[in-house]
């Protein structure tokens, strides 16, 4: 069984880094992201997702804001997360 991100889903960024296909352009959208943003999405390789995805924290998950999360949500027309959302999982906003 292959470990890590499947090579065919990546492309070379530079001599030292690879990126997920679809993420290195003006309107980034990871090739492994399935579904409709703002409706229902999931990562098609969640168990094998890249370290950058594993390390990314949604805003307020750990009690801290995340400007990158806010920027991504605004880009896709989604409301920003607020601290209270983590106390009410049934009322969680749609994911980017």
C-alpha atoms as a PDB file:
ATOM      1  CA  UNK A   1       0.000   0.000   0.000  1.00  0.00           C
ATOM      2  CA  UNK A   2       1.273   3.439  -0.951  1.00  0.00           C
ATOM      3  CA  UNK A   3       2.093   5.771   1.951  1.00  0.00           C
ATOM      4  CA  UNK A   4       1.489   9.512   1.797  1.00  0.00           C
ATOM      5  CA  UNK A   5      -0.002  11.639  -0.955  1.00  0.00           C
ATOM      6  CA  UNK A   6      -0.323   9.784  -4.267  1.00  0.00           C
ATOM      7  CA  UNK A   7       2.368  11.169  -6.617  1.00  0.00           C
ATOM      8  CA  UNK A   8      -0.077  11.556  -9.503  1.00  0.00           C
ATOM      9  CA  UNK A   9      -1.991  14.178  -7.490  1.00  0.00           C
ATOM     10  CA  UNK A  10       1.086  16.412  -7.100  1.00  0.00           C
ATOM     11  CA  UNK A  11       3.148  18.714  -9.262  1.00  0.00           C
ATOM     12  CA  UNK A  12       6.600  20.251  -8.856  1.00  0.00           C
ATOM     13  CA  UNK A  13       6.689  23.721  -7.282  1.00  0.00           C
ATOM     14  CA  UNK A  14      10.475  24.073  -7.259  1.00  0.00           C
ATOM     15  CA  UNK A  15      13.566  21.905  -6.770  1.00  0.00           C
ATOM     16  CA  UNK A  16      12.627  21.281  -3.140  1.00  0.00           C
ATOM     17  CA  UNK A  17       8.830  21.240  -2.942  1.00  0.00           C
ATOM     18  CA  UNK A  18       5.817  19.565  -4.452  1.00  0.00           C
ATOM     19  CA  UNK A  19       2.251  20.885  -4.277  1.00  0.00           C
ATOM     20  CA  UNK A  20      -1.139  19.329  -4.750  1.00  0.00           C
ATOM     21  CA  UNK A  21      -2.399  19.771  -8.299  1.00  0.00           C
ATOM     22  CA  UNK A  22      -4.814  22.657  -8.511  1.00  0.00           C
ATOM     23  CA  UNK A  23      -3.394  24.634  -5.582  1.00  0.00           C
ATOM     24  CA  UNK A  24      -0.758  26.718  -7.350  1.00  0.00           C
ATOM     25  CA  UNK A  25      -2.900  29.044  -9.428  1.00  0.00           C
ATOM     26  CA  UNK A  26      -4.981  32.211  -9.193  1.00  0.00           C
ATOM     27  CA  UNK A  27      -8.099  30.291  -8.072  1.00  0.00           C
ATOM     28  CA  UNK A  28      -6.660  27.417  -6.050  1.00  0.00           C
ATOM     29  CA  UNK A  29      -8.702  24.266  -5.601  1.00  0.00           C
ATOM     30  CA  UNK A  30      -7.006  21.065  -4.515  1.00  0.00           C
ATOM     31  CA  UNK A  31      -7.522  18.124  -6.850  1.00  0.00           C
ATOM     32  CA  UNK A  32      -8.411  15.946  -3.832  1.00  0.00           C
ATOM     33  CA  UNK A  33     -11.255  18.228  -2.687  1.00  0.00           C
ATOM     34  CA  UNK A  34     -14.523  16.653  -3.777  1.00  0.00           C
ATOM     35  CA  UNK A  35     -17.946  18.276  -3.707  1.00  0.00           C
ATOM     36  CA  UNK A  36     -19.263  21.823  -3.839  1.00  0.00           C
ATOM     37  CA  UNK A  37     -17.651  24.413  -1.582  1.00  0.00           C
ATOM     38  CA  UNK A  38     -20.246  25.913   0.735  1.00  0.00           C
ATOM     39  CA  UNK A  39     -22.513  22.898   0.292  1.00  0.00           C
ATOM     40  CA  UNK A  40     -20.721  19.662   1.082  1.00  0.00           C
ATOM     41  CA  UNK A  41     -17.055  18.832   0.558  1.00  0.00           C
ATOM     42  CA  UNK A  42     -14.593  16.183   1.612  1.00  0.00           C
ATOM     43  CA  UNK A  43     -10.962  15.308   1.031  1.00  0.00           C
ATOM     44  CA  UNK A  44     -10.697  12.295  -1.238  1.00  0.00           C
ATOM     45  CA  UNK A  45      -7.331  11.325   0.317  1.00  0.00           C
ATOM     46  CA  UNK A  46      -7.976  12.412   3.905  1.00  0.00           C
ATOM     47  CA  UNK A  47      -5.945   9.617   5.508  1.00  0.00           C
ATOM     48  CA  UNK A  48      -3.050  10.343   3.121  1.00  0.00           C
ATOM     49  CA  UNK A  49      -3.415  14.141   3.029  1.00  0.00           C
ATOM     50  CA  UNK A  50      -0.337  16.353   2.890  1.00  0.00           C
ATOM     51  CA  UNK A  51       1.343  17.673   6.031  1.00  0.00           C
ATOM     52  CA  UNK A  52       0.283  21.217   5.135  1.00  0.00           C
ATOM     53  CA  UNK A  53      -3.344  20.063   5.351  1.00  0.00           C
ATOM     54  CA  UNK A  54      -2.748  18.146   8.570  1.00  0.00           C
ATOM     55  CA  UNK A  55      -1.156  21.232  10.128  1.00  0.00           C
ATOM     56  CA  UNK A  56      -3.836  23.719   8.997  1.00  0.00           C
ATOM     57  CA  UNK A  57      -6.136  24.717  11.849  1.00  0.00           C
ATOM     58  CA  UNK A  58      -9.541  26.284  11.240  1.00  0.00           C
ATOM     59  CA  UNK A  59      -9.978  29.658  12.931  1.00  0.00           C
ATOM     60  CA  UNK A  60     -10.726  29.404  16.634  1.00  0.00           C
ATOM     61  CA  UNK A  61     -10.358  25.605  16.872  1.00  0.00           C
ATOM     62  CA  UNK A  62      -7.581  26.095  19.425  1.00  0.00           C
ATOM     63  CA  UNK A  63      -8.929  29.415  20.706  1.00  0.00           C
ATOM     64  CA  UNK A  64      -6.835  31.427  18.224  1.00  0.00           C
ATOM     65  CA  UNK A  65      -7.789  33.221  15.006  1.00  0.00           C
ATOM     66  CA  UNK A  66      -6.330  32.006  11.702  1.00  0.00           C
ATOM     67  CA  UNK A  67      -5.969  34.686   9.025  1.00  0.00           C
ATOM     68  CA  UNK A  68      -5.386  32.053   6.317  1.00  0.00           C
ATOM     69  CA  UNK A  69      -8.662  30.337   7.234  1.00  0.00           C
ATOM     70  CA  UNK A  70     -10.481  33.677   7.169  1.00  0.00           C
ATOM     71  CA  UNK A  71      -8.973  34.526   3.773  1.00  0.00           C
ATOM     72  CA  UNK A  72      -9.989  31.166   2.290  1.00  0.00           C
ATOM     73  CA  UNK A  73     -13.536  31.409   3.624  1.00  0.00           C
ATOM     74  CA  UNK A  74     -13.944  34.958   2.270  1.00  0.00           C
ATOM     75  CA  UNK A  75     -12.581  33.869  -1.124  1.00  0.00           C
ATOM     76  CA  UNK A  76     -15.375  31.279  -1.354  1.00  0.00           C
ATOM     77  CA  UNK A  77     -18.091  33.578   0.011  1.00  0.00           C
ATOM     78  CA  UNK A  78     -18.404  31.768   3.341  1.00  0.00           C
ATOM     79  CA  UNK A  79     -18.880  33.514   6.693  1.00  0.00           C
ATOM     80  CA  UNK A  80     -15.883  33.762   9.004  1.00  0.00           C
ATOM     81  CA  UNK A  81     -15.743  31.321  11.882  1.00  0.00           C
ATOM     82  CA  UNK A  82     -16.267  32.714  15.374  1.00  0.00           C
ATOM     83  CA  UNK A  83     -15.109  31.259  18.712  1.00  0.00           C
ATOM     84  CA  UNK A  84     -18.636  30.288  19.748  1.00  0.00           C
ATOM     85  CA  UNK A  85     -19.042  27.917  16.806  1.00  0.00           C
ATOM     86  CA  UNK A  86     -16.802  25.343  18.497  1.00  0.00           C
ATOM     87  CA  UNK A  87     -19.213  25.158  21.452  1.00  0.00           C
ATOM     88  CA  UNK A  88     -22.177  24.403  19.184  1.00  0.00           C
ATOM     89  CA  UNK A  89     -21.205  21.615  16.758  1.00  0.00           C
ATOM     90  CA  UNK A  90     -24.785  21.207  15.505  1.00  0.00           C
ATOM     91  CA  UNK A  91     -24.736  24.824  14.335  1.00  0.00           C
ATOM     92  CA  UNK A  92     -21.329  24.652  12.620  1.00  0.00           C
ATOM     93  CA  UNK A  93     -21.006  26.799   9.464  1.00  0.00           C
ATOM     94  CA  UNK A  94     -20.381  25.179   6.105  1.00  0.00           C
ATOM     95  CA  UNK A  95     -16.770  24.252   5.415  1.00  0.00           C
ATOM     96  CA  UNK A  96     -14.540  25.619   2.694  1.00  0.00           C
END
